[in-house]
C-alpha atoms as a PDB file:
ATOM      1  CA  MET A   1     114.481 145.803 129.502  1.00  0.00           C
ATOM      2  CA  SER A   2     112.501 148.799 128.358  1.00  0.00           C
ATOM      3  CA  VAL A   3     112.076 149.806 124.703  1.00  0.00           C
ATOM      4  CA  GLN A   4     114.325 152.782 125.382  1.00  0.00           C
ATOM      5  CA  ASP A   5     117.143 150.458 126.517  1.00  0.00           C
ATOM      6  CA  GLU A   6     117.047 148.280 123.431  1.00  0.00           C
ATOM      7  CA  GLU A   7     119.613 148.683 120.648  1.00  0.00           C
ATOM      8  CA  GLN A   8     118.112 151.018 118.094  1.00  0.00           C
ATOM      9  CA  LEU A   9     117.453 149.866 114.525  1.00  0.00           C
ATOM     10  CA  ASP A  10     119.683 151.745 112.128  1.00  0.00           C
ATOM     11  CA  PRO A  11     119.895 152.200 108.342  1.00  0.00           C
ATOM     12  CA  LYS A  12     122.920 149.887 108.079  1.00  0.00           C
ATOM     13  CA  ALA A  13     120.927 146.989 109.498  1.00  0.00           C
ATOM     14  CA  LEU A  14     118.114 147.647 107.049  1.00  0.00           C
ATOM     15  CA  HIS A  15     120.595 147.891 104.201  1.00  0.00           C
ATOM     16  CA  ASP A  16     122.104 144.516 105.132  1.00  0.00           C
ATOM     17  CA  ILE A  17     118.583 143.015 104.984  1.00  0.00           C
ATOM     18  CA  LEU A  18     117.840 144.801 101.711  1.00  0.00           C
ATOM     19  CA  ARG A  19     120.947 143.346 100.068  1.00  0.00           C
ATOM     20  CA  GLY A  20     120.652 139.917 101.625  1.00  0.00           C
ATOM     21  CA  TYR A  21     119.827 138.340  98.274  1.00  0.00           C
ATOM     22  CA  VAL A  22     123.358 139.291  97.069  1.00  0.00           C
ATOM     23  CA  LYS A  23     124.917 136.934  99.688  1.00  0.00           C
ATOM     24  CA  THR A  24     122.695 134.100  98.418  1.00  0.00           C
ATOM     25  CA  ALA A  25     123.699 134.840  94.843  1.00  0.00           C
ATOM     26  CA  LEU A  26     127.366 134.852  95.750  1.00  0.00           C
ATOM     27  CA  LEU A  27     127.205 131.419  97.382  1.00  0.00           C
ATOM     28  CA  ARG A  28     125.171 130.029  94.513  1.00  0.00           C
ATOM     29  CA  ALA A  29     127.611 131.353  91.898  1.00  0.00           C
ATOM     30  CA  ALA A  30     130.682 130.098  93.778  1.00  0.00           C
ATOM     31  CA  VAL A  31     129.204 126.612  94.108  1.00  0.00           C
ATOM     32  CA  GLN A  32     128.181 126.466  90.447  1.00  0.00           C
ATOM     33  CA  LEU A  33     131.622 127.639  89.309  1.00  0.00           C
ATOM     34  CA  ARG A  34     133.381 125.289  91.791  1.00  0.00           C
ATOM     35  CA  VAL A  35     135.471 128.187  93.180  1.00  0.00           C
ATOM     36  CA  PHE A  36     135.918 126.470  96.524  1.00  0.00           C
ATOM     37  CA  ASP A  37     137.141 123.282  94.924  1.00  0.00           C
ATOM     38  CA  GLU A  38     139.960 125.154  93.231  1.00  0.00           C
ATOM     39  CA  LEU A  39     141.126 126.584  96.535  1.00  0.00           C
ATOM     40  CA  GLU A  40     141.120 123.251  98.378  1.00  0.00           C
ATOM     41  CA  SER A  41     144.816 122.661  97.568  1.00  0.00           C
ATOM     42  CA  GLY A  42     145.925 126.074  98.818  1.00  0.00           C
ATOM     43  CA  PRO A  43     145.784 129.889  98.363  1.00  0.00           C
ATOM     44  CA  LEU A  44     145.562 131.274  94.825  1.00  0.00           C
ATOM     45  CA  GLU A  45     145.502 134.662  93.168  1.00  0.00           C
ATOM     46  CA  ALA A  46     142.361 135.780  91.368  1.00  0.00           C
ATOM     47  CA  ARG A  47     144.047 135.426  87.937  1.00  0.00           C
ATOM     48  CA  GLU A  48     145.008 131.827  88.754  1.00  0.00           C
ATOM     49  CA  VAL A  49     141.445 130.897  89.809  1.00  0.00           C
ATOM     50  CA  ALA A  50     140.042 132.637  86.693  1.00  0.00           C
ATOM     51  CA  HIS A  51     142.475 130.781  84.403  1.00  0.00           C
ATOM     52  CA  ARG A  52     141.641 127.399  85.926  1.00  0.00           C
ATOM     53  CA  LEU A  53     137.870 127.983  85.731  1.00  0.00           C
ATOM     54  CA  GLY A  54     137.889 129.742  82.357  1.00  0.00           C
ATOM     55  CA  THR A  55     136.380 133.044  83.554  1.00  0.00           C
ATOM     56  CA  ASP A  56     137.246 136.716  83.159  1.00  0.00           C
ATOM     57  CA  THR A  57     139.910 137.800  85.695  1.00  0.00           C
ATOM     58  CA  ARG A  58     138.096 141.003  86.728  1.00  0.00           C
ATOM     59  CA  GLY A  59     134.849 139.099  87.221  1.00  0.00           C
ATOM     60  CA  MET A  60     136.572 136.470  89.333  1.00  0.00           C
ATOM     61  CA  ARG A  61     138.398 139.071  91.455  1.00  0.00           C
ATOM     62  CA  ILE A  62     135.123 140.833  92.266  1.00  0.00           C
ATOM     63  CA  LEU A  63     133.458 137.527  93.127  1.00  0.00           C
ATOM     64  CA  LEU A  64     136.362 136.406  95.343  1.00  0.00           C
ATOM     65  CA  ASP A  65     136.530 139.758  97.178  1.00  0.00           C
ATOM     66  CA  ALA A  66     132.781 139.629  97.829  1.00  0.00           C
ATOM     67  CA  LEU A  67     133.014 136.063  99.084  1.00  0.00           C
ATOM     68  CA  ALA A  68     135.731 137.184 101.489  1.00  0.00           C
ATOM     69  CA  ALA A  69     133.561 140.121 102.526  1.00  0.00           C
ATOM     70  CA  ILE A  70     130.822 137.739 103.731  1.00  0.00           C
ATOM     71  CA  GLY A  71     133.214 135.310 105.435  1.00  0.00           C
ATOM     72  CA  LEU A  72     133.226 132.544 102.836  1.00  0.00           C
ATOM     73  CA  LEU A  73     136.905 133.113 101.923  1.00  0.00           C
ATOM     74  CA  ARG A  74     139.975 134.599 103.574  1.00  0.00           C
ATOM     75  CA  THR A  75     142.579 136.858 102.017  1.00  0.00           C
ATOM     76  CA  GLY A  76     146.296 137.346 102.459  1.00  0.00           C
ATOM     77  CA  GLU A  77     149.179 138.614 100.326  1.00  0.00           C
ATOM     78  CA  GLY A  78     146.957 139.047  97.344  1.00  0.00           C
ATOM     79  CA  ARG A  79     145.686 135.468  97.466  1.00  0.00           C
ATOM     80  CA  TYR A  80     142.438 133.792  98.469  1.00  0.00           C
ATOM     81  CA  MET A  81     142.010 130.737 100.686  1.00  0.00           C
ATOM     82  CA  LEU A  82     139.266 128.689 102.334  1.00  0.00           C
ATOM     83  CA  PRO A  83     138.114 129.670 105.825  1.00  0.00           C
ATOM     84  CA  ALA A  84     138.290 127.259 108.752  1.00  0.00           C
ATOM     85  CA  GLY A  85     135.791 124.465 108.092  1.00  0.00           C
ATOM     86  CA  GLY A  86     135.505 125.421 104.443  1.00  0.00           C
ATOM     87  CA  ALA A  87     136.906 122.193 103.070  1.00  0.00           C
ATOM     88  CA  ASP A  88     134.206 120.232 104.854  1.00  0.00           C
ATOM     89  CA  LEU A  89     131.249 122.446 103.876  1.00  0.00           C
ATOM     90  CA  LEU A  90     132.180 124.258 100.685  1.00  0.00           C
ATOM     91  CA  VAL A  91     134.261 121.751  98.715  1.00  0.00           C
ATOM     92  CA  SER A  92     132.309 119.238  96.696  1.00  0.00           C
ATOM     93  CA  SER A  93     134.233 116.296  98.223  1.00  0.00           C
ATOM     94  CA  GLY A  94     133.610 117.499 101.773  1.00  0.00           C
ATOM     95  CA  SER A  95     131.678 115.252 104.134  1.00  0.00           C
ATOM     96  CA  ARG A  96     129.113 117.992 104.777  1.00  0.00           C
ATOM     97  CA  PHE A  97     129.171 119.711 101.377  1.00  0.00           C
ATOM     98  CA  ILE A  98     126.379 122.298 101.256  1.00  0.00           C
ATOM     99  CA  GLY A  99     126.081 122.294  97.447  1.00  0.00           C
ATOM    100  CA  GLY A 100     122.894 120.202  97.393  1.00  0.00           C
ATOM    101  CA  ALA A 101     121.159 122.542  99.790  1.00  0.00           C
ATOM    102  CA  VAL A 102     122.226 125.517  97.641  1.00  0.00           C
ATOM    103  CA  ARG A 103     120.719 123.869  94.573  1.00  0.00           C
ATOM    104  CA  ILE A 104     117.412 123.621  96.434  1.00  0.00           C
ATOM    105  CA  GLY A 105     117.332 126.641  98.758  1.00  0.00           C
ATOM    106  CA  ALA A 106     118.577 128.997  96.054  1.00  0.00           C
ATOM    107  CA  SER A 107     116.752 127.378  93.194  1.00  0.00           C
ATOM    108  CA  ASP A 108     114.978 129.511  90.584  1.00  0.00           C
ATOM    109  CA  TRP A 109     111.597 128.175  91.757  1.00  0.00           C
ATOM    110  CA  GLU A 110     112.160 129.136  95.403  1.00  0.00           C
ATOM    111  CA  TRP A 111     113.422 132.578  94.435  1.00  0.00           C
ATOM    112  CA  ASP A 112     110.514 133.134  92.102  1.00  0.00           C
ATOM    113  CA  ALA A 113     108.032 131.986  94.782  1.00  0.00           C
ATOM    114  CA  GLN A 114     109.287 134.671  97.124  1.00  0.00           C
ATOM    115  CA  LYS A 115     108.503 137.338  94.514  1.00  0.00           C
ATOM    116  CA  ASN A 116     104.864 136.582  95.237  1.00  0.00           C
ATOM    117  CA  LEU A 117     105.144 137.124  98.979  1.00  0.00           C
ATOM    118  CA  VAL A 118     102.937 140.265  98.992  1.00  0.00           C
ATOM    119  CA  ASP A 119     100.127 138.427  97.243  1.00  0.00           C
ATOM    120  CA  ALA A 120     100.643 135.356  99.433  1.00  0.00           C
ATOM    121  CA  VAL A 121     100.305 137.514 102.557  1.00  0.00           C
ATOM    122  CA  ARG A 122      97.095 139.011 101.213  1.00  0.00           C
ATOM    123  CA  ALA A 123      95.714 135.596 100.318  1.00  0.00           C
ATOM    124  CA  GLY A 124      97.169 133.702 103.278  1.00  0.00           C
ATOM    125  CA  ARG A 125      98.446 130.952 100.977  1.00  0.00           C
ATOM    126  CA  ALA A 126     100.437 130.147  97.844  1.00  0.00           C
ATOM    127  CA  VAL A 127      99.122 132.041  94.845  1.00  0.00           C
ATOM    128  CA  THR A 128     101.232 130.498  92.094  1.00  0.00           C
ATOM    129  CA  GLU A 129      99.769 127.983  89.658  1.00  0.00           C
ATOM    130  CA  THR A 130     102.501 125.515  90.561  1.00  0.00           C
ATOM    131  CA  HIS A 131     103.217 124.991  94.249  1.00  0.00           C
ATOM    132  CA  ALA A 132     104.815 122.520  96.638  1.00  0.00           C
ATOM    133  CA  LEU A 133     101.755 120.216  96.588  1.00  0.00           C
ATOM    134  CA  THR A 134     101.329 120.089  92.844  1.00  0.00           C
ATOM    135  CA  PRO A 135     101.223 116.385  91.776  1.00  0.00           C
ATOM    136  CA  GLU A 136     104.502 115.151  90.320  1.00  0.00           C
ATOM    137  CA  PHE A 137     106.067 118.637  90.540  1.00  0.00           C
ATOM    138  CA  ASP A 138     109.612 118.359  89.110  1.00  0.00           C
ATOM    139  CA  TYR A 139     110.990 120.452  91.998  1.00  0.00           C
ATOM    140  CA  TRP A 140     110.710 117.316  94.151  1.00  0.00           C
ATOM    141  CA  GLU A 141     112.899 115.457  91.662  1.00  0.00           C
ATOM    142  CA  ASP A 142     115.641 118.084  92.262  1.00  0.00           C
ATOM    143  CA  PHE A 143     115.024 117.840  95.979  1.00  0.00           C
ATOM    144  CA  ALA A 144     115.426 114.041  96.003  1.00  0.00           C
ATOM    145  CA  HIS A 145     118.515 114.217  93.818  1.00  0.00           C
ATOM    146  CA  HIS A 146     120.372 117.030  95.544  1.00  0.00           C
ATOM    147  CA  THR A 147     119.552 116.291  99.179  1.00  0.00           C
ATOM    148  CA  SER A 148     120.179 112.537  99.239  1.00  0.00           C
ATOM    149  CA  TRP A 149     123.374 113.386 101.178  1.00  0.00           C
ATOM    150  CA  PHE A 150     121.496 115.565 103.644  1.00  0.00           C
ATOM    151  CA  ASN A 151     120.324 114.157 106.945  1.00  0.00           C
ATOM    152  CA  ASN A 152     121.750 116.829 109.279  1.00  0.00           C
ATOM    153  CA  GLY A 153     121.990 114.171 111.983  1.00  0.00           C
ATOM    154  CA  ALA A 154     118.224 113.496 112.198  1.00  0.00           C
ATOM    155  CA  ALA A 155     118.496 110.185 110.309  1.00  0.00           C
ATOM    156  CA  ASP A 156     121.126 109.022 112.794  1.00  0.00           C
ATOM    157  CA  VAL A 157     118.975 110.100 115.718  1.00  0.00           C
ATOM    158  CA  MET A 158     116.005 108.140 114.288  1.00  0.00           C
ATOM    159  CA  ALA A 159     118.079 105.039 113.709  1.00  0.00           C
ATOM    160  CA  ASP A 160     119.554 105.282 117.224  1.00  0.00           C
ATOM    161  CA  GLN A 161     116.037 105.030 118.600  1.00  0.00           C
ATOM    162  CA  LEU A 162     114.580 102.425 116.230  1.00  0.00           C
ATOM    163  CA  VAL A 163     117.423  99.930 115.756  1.00  0.00           C
ATOM    164  CA  PRO A 164     117.557  98.698 119.407  1.00  0.00           C
ATOM    165  CA  TRP A 165     113.749  98.545 119.492  1.00  0.00           C
ATOM    166  CA  SER A 166     113.499  96.564 116.264  1.00  0.00           C
ATOM    167  CA  ALA A 167     115.942  93.910 117.563  1.00  0.00           C
ATOM    168  CA  GLY A 168     113.117  92.191 119.437  1.00  0.00           C
ATOM    169  CA  ARG A 169     110.722  92.130 116.451  1.00  0.00           C
ATOM    170  CA  GLU A 170     109.905  89.043 114.396  1.00  0.00           C
ATOM    171  CA  SER A 171     109.834  91.259 111.321  1.00  0.00           C
ATOM    172  CA  VAL A 172     111.104  94.721 110.465  1.00  0.00           C
ATOM    173  CA  ASP A 173     108.809  95.996 107.708  1.00  0.00           C
ATOM    174  CA  VAL A 174     109.135  99.761 107.139  1.00  0.00           C
ATOM    175  CA  LEU A 175     106.972 102.167 105.147  1.00  0.00           C
ATOM    176  CA  ASP A 176     108.628 105.494 104.275  1.00  0.00           C
ATOM    177  CA  VAL A 177     105.827 107.946 103.337  1.00  0.00           C
ATOM    178  CA  ALA A 178     106.798 110.802 101.006  1.00  0.00           C
ATOM    179  CA  CYS A 179     110.236 109.206 101.032  1.00  0.00           C
ATOM    180  CA  SER A 180     111.911 111.577  98.565  1.00  0.00           C
ATOM    181  CA  HIS A 181     115.629 110.607  98.502  1.00  0.00           C
ATOM    182  CA  GLY A 182     114.877 107.754 100.880  1.00  0.00           C
ATOM    183  CA  SER A 183     117.741 108.559 103.243  1.00  0.00           C
ATOM    184  CA  TYR A 184     115.827 108.053 106.462  1.00  0.00           C
ATOM    185  CA  GLY A 185     114.750 104.534 105.571  1.00  0.00           C
ATOM    186  CA  PHE A 186     118.138 103.730 104.020  1.00  0.00           C
ATOM    187  CA  PHE A 187     120.045 104.894 107.101  1.00  0.00           C
ATOM    188  CA  PHE A 188     117.907 102.609 109.216  1.00  0.00           C
ATOM    189  CA  ALA A 189     118.138  99.625 106.836  1.00  0.00           C
ATOM    190  CA  ARG A 190     121.906  99.792 106.663  1.00  0.00           C
ATOM    191  CA  ARG A 191     121.992  99.348 110.444  1.00  0.00           C
ATOM    192  CA  GLU A 192     119.164  96.746 110.581  1.00  0.00           C
ATOM    193  CA  PRO A 193     119.903  94.026 108.065  1.00  0.00           C
ATOM    194  CA  ARG A 194     116.430  92.452 108.479  1.00  0.00           C
ATOM    195  CA  ALA A 195     114.632  95.625 107.438  1.00  0.00           C
ATOM    196  CA  LYS A 196     112.466  95.607 104.343  1.00  0.00           C
ATOM    197  CA  LEU A 197     111.472  98.997 102.925  1.00  0.00           C
ATOM    198  CA  TRP A 198     108.436 100.233 101.071  1.00  0.00           C
ATOM    199  CA  CYS A 199     109.009 103.778  99.694  1.00  0.00           C
ATOM    200  CA  LEU A 200     105.993 105.901  98.769  1.00  0.00           C
ATOM    201  CA  ASP A 201     106.167 109.033  96.665  1.00  0.00           C
ATOM    202  CA  TRP A 202     105.234 110.396  93.237  1.00  0.00           C
ATOM    203  CA  PRO A 203     106.398 108.173  90.357  1.00  0.00           C
ATOM    204  CA  ASN A 204     108.852 110.811  89.035  1.00  0.00           C
ATOM    205  CA  VAL A 205     110.500 111.054  92.468  1.00  0.00           C
ATOM    206  CA  LEU A 206     110.721 107.322  92.994  1.00  0.00           C
ATOM    207  CA  LYS A 207     113.033 107.014  89.979  1.00  0.00           C
ATOM    208  CA  ILE A 208     115.634 108.874  92.012  1.00  0.00           C
ATOM    209  CA  THR A 209     114.828 106.964  95.190  1.00  0.00           C
ATOM    210  CA  GLU A 210     115.405 103.726  93.300  1.00  0.00           C
ATOM    211  CA  ARG A 211     118.810 104.899  92.058  1.00  0.00           C
ATOM    212  CA  ASN A 212     119.800 105.772  95.615  1.00  0.00           C
ATOM    213  CA  ALA A 213     118.675 102.344  96.864  1.00  0.00           C
ATOM    214  CA  GLU A 214     120.724 100.665  94.164  1.00  0.00           C
ATOM    215  CA  ARG A 215     123.794 102.814  94.942  1.00  0.00           C
ATOM    216  CA  LEU A 216     123.595 101.805  98.594  1.00  0.00           C
ATOM    217  CA  GLY A 217     123.121  98.125  97.829  1.00  0.00           C
ATOM    218  CA  LEU A 218     119.565  98.113  99.224  1.00  0.00           C
ATOM    219  CA  LEU A 219     117.533  97.583  96.037  1.00  0.00           C
ATOM    220  CA  ASP A 220     116.809  93.931  96.854  1.00  0.00           C
ATOM    221  CA  ARG A 221     115.209  95.018 100.158  1.00  0.00           C
ATOM    222  CA  THR A 222     113.257  97.957  98.777  1.00  0.00           C
ATOM    223  CA  SER A 223     109.807  98.137  97.123  1.00  0.00           C
ATOM    224  CA  PHE A 224     108.246 101.250  95.623  1.00  0.00           C
ATOM    225  CA  VAL A 225     104.674 102.543  96.070  1.00  0.00           C
ATOM    226  CA  PRO A 226     103.838 105.323  93.547  1.00  0.00           C
ATOM    227  CA  GLY A 227     101.061 107.773  94.343  1.00  0.00           C
ATOM    228  CA  ASP A 228      99.502 110.349  96.644  1.00  0.00           C
ATOM    229  CA  MET A 229     100.018 109.693 100.334  1.00  0.00           C
ATOM    230  CA  PHE A 230      96.428 110.842 101.067  1.00  0.00           C
ATOM    231  CA  GLU A 231      94.897 108.418  98.526  1.00  0.00           C
ATOM    232  CA  THR A 232      97.213 105.526  97.626  1.00  0.00           C
ATOM    233  CA  ASP A 233      96.726 102.155  99.316  1.00  0.00           C
ATOM    234  CA  LEU A 234      99.440 102.043 101.949  1.00  0.00           C
ATOM    235  CA  GLY A 235      99.533  98.278 102.185  1.00  0.00           C
ATOM    236  CA  GLY A 236     101.006  96.779 105.283  1.00  0.00           C
ATOM    237  CA  PRO A 237     100.639  96.604 108.159  1.00  0.00           C
ATOM    238  CA  TYR A 238     104.188  97.646 109.018  1.00  0.00           C
ATOM    239  CA  ASP A 239     106.368  97.517 112.105  1.00  0.00           C
ATOM    240  CA  ILE A 240     107.529 101.075 111.438  1.00  0.00           C
ATOM    241  CA  VAL A 241     106.104 103.925 109.417  1.00  0.00           C
ATOM    242  CA  MET A 242     108.329 106.954 108.734  1.00  0.00           C
ATOM    243  CA  LEU A 243     106.905 110.382 107.895  1.00  0.00           C
ATOM    244  CA  THR A 244     109.754 112.815 107.426  1.00  0.00           C
ATOM    245  CA  ASN A 245     109.645 116.563 106.758  1.00  0.00           C
ATOM    246  CA  VAL A 246     106.082 116.429 105.532  1.00  0.00           C
ATOM    247  CA  LEU A 247     103.693 117.730 108.141  1.00  0.00           C
ATOM    248  CA  HIS A 248     104.852 121.328 107.990  1.00  0.00           C
ATOM    249  CA  HIS A 249     103.204 121.535 104.575  1.00  0.00           C
ATOM    250  CA  PHE A 250      99.749 121.377 106.178  1.00  0.00           C
ATOM    251  CA  ARG A 251      97.692 122.977 108.924  1.00  0.00           C
ATOM    252  CA  GLU A 252      97.304 120.957 112.132  1.00  0.00           C
ATOM    253  CA  GLU A 253      93.946 119.440 111.190  1.00  0.00           C
ATOM    254  CA  LYS A 254      95.143 118.220 107.741  1.00  0.00           C
ATOM    255  CA  ALA A 255      98.404 116.881 109.178  1.00  0.00           C
ATOM    256  CA  THR A 256      96.421 114.997 111.863  1.00  0.00           C
ATOM    257  CA  GLU A 257      94.231 113.516 109.115  1.00  0.00           C
ATOM    258  CA  LEU A 258      97.385 112.184 107.408  1.00  0.00           C
ATOM    259  CA  LEU A 259      98.663 110.754 110.678  1.00  0.00           C
ATOM    260  CA  SER A 260      95.323 109.041 111.338  1.00  0.00           C
ATOM    261  CA  ARG A 261      95.446 107.490 107.890  1.00  0.00           C
ATOM    262  CA  VAL A 262      98.982 106.296 108.430  1.00  0.00           C
ATOM    263  CA  ALA A 263      98.136 104.890 111.861  1.00  0.00           C
ATOM    264  CA  LYS A 264      95.963 102.224 110.223  1.00  0.00           C
ATOM    265  CA  ALA A 265      99.055 100.892 108.415  1.00  0.00           C
ATOM    266  CA  VAL A 266     101.069 100.436 111.667  1.00  0.00           C
ATOM    267  CA  LYS A 267     100.995  97.092 113.444  1.00  0.00           C
ATOM    268  CA  PRO A 268      99.672  97.134 117.018  1.00  0.00           C
ATOM    269  CA  GLY A 269     102.753  97.772 119.127  1.00  0.00           C
ATOM    270  CA  GLY A 270     104.527  99.236 116.119  1.00  0.00           C
ATOM    271  CA  ARG A 271     106.170 102.614 115.865  1.00  0.00           C
ATOM    272  CA  ILE A 272     105.740 105.789 113.844  1.00  0.00           C
ATOM    273  CA  ALA A 273     108.772 108.007 113.307  1.00  0.00           C
ATOM    274  CA  VAL A 274     108.127 111.620 112.402  1.00  0.00           C
ATOM    275  CA  VAL A 275     110.726 114.238 111.497  1.00  0.00           C
ATOM    276  CA  GLY A 276     110.009 117.926 111.099  1.00  0.00           C
ATOM    277  CA  HIS A 277     110.945 121.554 111.532  1.00  0.00           C
ATOM    278  CA  THR A 278     109.830 122.573 114.980  1.00  0.00           C
ATOM    279  CA  ARG A 279     109.984 125.309 117.572  1.00  0.00           C
ATOM    280  CA  GLU A 280     109.725 125.131 121.346  1.00  0.00           C
ATOM    281  CA  GLU A 281     106.617 126.520 123.019  1.00  0.00           C
ATOM    282  CA  GLU A 282     108.628 129.224 124.715  1.00  0.00           C
ATOM    283  CA  ASP A 283     110.409 130.314 121.516  1.00  0.00           C
ATOM    284  CA  THR A 284     109.871 133.770 120.085  1.00  0.00           C
ATOM    285  CA  PRO A 285     110.957 135.228 116.731  1.00  0.00           C
ATOM    286  CA  GLU A 286     113.743 137.033 118.562  1.00  0.00           C
ATOM    287  CA  THR A 287     115.103 134.002 120.469  1.00  0.00           C
ATOM    288  CA  ASN A 288     114.860 131.469 117.636  1.00  0.00           C
ATOM    289  CA  PRO A 289     114.383 133.119 114.250  1.00  0.00           C
ATOM    290  CA  LEU A 290     114.738 130.129 111.878  1.00  0.00           C
ATOM    291  CA  PRO A 291     111.330 128.463 112.477  1.00  0.00           C
ATOM    292  CA  TYR A 292     109.533 131.709 111.811  1.00  0.00           C
ATOM    293  CA  LEU A 293     111.536 132.347 108.634  1.00  0.00           C
ATOM    294  CA  PHE A 294     110.732 128.783 107.450  1.00  0.00           C
ATOM    295  CA  SER A 295     107.042 129.580 107.862  1.00  0.00           C
ATOM    296  CA  VAL A 296     107.501 132.282 105.234  1.00  0.00           C
ATOM    297  CA  ILE A 297     108.700 129.615 102.790  1.00  0.00           C
ATOM    298  CA  MET A 298     105.590 127.560 103.632  1.00  0.00           C
ATOM    299  CA  LEU A 299     103.376 130.632 103.121  1.00  0.00           C
ATOM    300  CA  VAL A 300     104.474 131.125  99.527  1.00  0.00           C
ATOM    301  CA  GLN A 301     104.717 127.431  98.633  1.00  0.00           C
ATOM    302  CA  THR A 302     101.696 125.807 100.296  1.00  0.00           C
ATOM    303  CA  PHE A 303      98.061 126.495 101.110  1.00  0.00           C
ATOM    304  CA  ASP A 304      98.250 126.336 104.929  1.00  0.00           C
ATOM    305  CA  GLY A 305     101.682 125.031 105.982  1.00  0.00           C
ATOM    306  CA  GLN A 306     103.919 126.449 108.667  1.00  0.00           C
ATOM    307  CA  THR A 307     106.479 125.467 111.326  1.00  0.00           C
ATOM    308  CA  HIS A 308     104.590 123.564 114.045  1.00  0.00           C
ATOM    309  CA  SER A 309     105.648 123.643 117.709  1.00  0.00           C
ATOM    310  CA  VAL A 310     106.883 120.578 119.589  1.00  0.00           C
ATOM    311  CA  GLY A 311     103.580 120.581 121.499  1.00  0.00           C
ATOM    312  CA  THR A 312     101.595 120.625 118.261  1.00  0.00           C
ATOM    313  CA  TYR A 313     103.438 117.554 116.958  1.00  0.00           C
ATOM    314  CA  GLN A 314     102.753 115.743 120.199  1.00  0.00           C
ATOM    315  CA  ARG A 315      99.092 116.719 120.089  1.00  0.00           C
ATOM    316  CA  MET A 316      98.719 115.586 116.471  1.00  0.00           C
ATOM    317  CA  LEU A 317     100.244 112.218 117.169  1.00  0.00           C
ATOM    318  CA  GLN A 318      98.060 111.663 120.203  1.00  0.00           C
ATOM    319  CA  SER A 319      94.930 112.760 118.300  1.00  0.00           C
ATOM    320  CA  ALA A 320      95.820 110.179 115.604  1.00  0.00           C
ATOM    321  CA  GLY A 321      95.803 107.448 118.271  1.00  0.00           C
ATOM    322  CA  PHE A 322      99.516 107.114 119.052  1.00  0.00           C
ATOM    323  CA  THR A 323     100.823 106.882 122.611  1.00  0.00           C
ATOM    324  CA  ASP A 324     104.117 107.268 124.437  1.00  0.00           C
ATOM    325  CA  VAL A 325     105.119 110.178 122.201  1.00  0.00           C
ATOM    326  CA  ARG A 326     108.767 111.060 122.673  1.00  0.00           C
ATOM    327  CA  SER A 327     110.919 113.646 120.934  1.00  0.00           C
ATOM    328  CA  HIS A 328     114.646 113.367 120.211  1.00  0.00           C
ATOM    329  CA  SER A 329     117.326 115.601 118.873  1.00  0.00           C
ATOM    330  CA  GLY A 330     121.106 115.704 118.614  1.00  0.00           C
ATOM    331  CA  PRO A 331     124.004 118.103 118.130  1.00  0.00           C
ATOM    332  CA  ARG A 332     123.933 117.741 114.305  1.00  0.00           C
ATOM    333  CA  ALA A 333     120.172 117.348 113.945  1.00  0.00           C
ATOM    334  CA  MET A 334     118.538 120.495 112.578  1.00  0.00           C
ATOM    335  CA  HIS A 335     115.179 118.684 112.636  1.00  0.00           C
ATOM    336  CA  ARG A 336     113.482 117.009 115.556  1.00  0.00           C
ATOM    337  CA  VAL A 337     112.542 113.316 115.602  1.00  0.00           C
ATOM    338  CA  PHE A 338     109.310 112.067 117.216  1.00  0.00           C
ATOM    339  CA  ILE A 339     108.817 108.408 117.996  1.00  0.00           C
ATOM    340  CA  ALA A 340     105.433 107.108 119.127  1.00  0.00           C
ATOM    341  CA  GLU A 341     103.643 103.735 119.557  1.00  0.00           C
ATOM    342  CA  ARG A 342     100.448 102.458 118.103  1.00  0.00           C
ATOM    343  CA  PRO A 343      98.715 100.650 121.032  1.00  0.00           C
END
């Protein structure tokens, strides 16, 4: 297709981009006010929603109309109702409630970080005093607390691969590096009753990991390793080491350094399980936009992080001494899972 045949960019498209932040603000406000929860039982008028939530009627009507305008509500006969699938995603009791992701993705810190995008582009890195790699940054407490529900299918994919393999092991000792909420290790341990977990993260984050372990009845099988994953004694060796949603914070060389350090803690014949944002080698910004947009988040929050390709993950694992590198995904897995062996 020639440039002349392509659909032309128009002012409306630019205006939609310009006002994109309004859509984020609408979703954030609706979740904070629990608007969707009030509509779970059926359609309501704006005045009814306002009365139940203790807000101004005009303000609520404007909010509800705007939510309908972006597809998060439906309207009919002067009332507002949830769209198809809304009870599952938008209501706090829904099995895939998005509220935790809203608390993180639309947090004040993430919004403020984007205000520095021009300076980050000029510098090629985060320019704020506090960033994603700041030791004991309280943002990671919020992340661990509000995304403990969130595995987007990747934790299931990982467990599907590791549980059958672990059945033949004499022991099932697992180190979860930068564990955060601990969900990946906990998903595995609930399906493998012999599993013992060691969770590594900053001390302030591990307080939340510990609460999650207790809530799931796994505290007696879980130990906690406070510290920096590049410096703390990893202990071990372990049958499995998990490294989930971490490597995109670093350039390839630094990520490979971490993998090489972790490799020493894996038993010969053991496995490493890596989860991360990825893109295919043949992807372009036009065919798969999300990985490229995620790199913008890494630009303003880290020194040299970005979305790595599938091939880059495979190369990093091989450079760190792992073999038989295999990647796995699933219909609900937004992130890709890599499993490899330490010879």
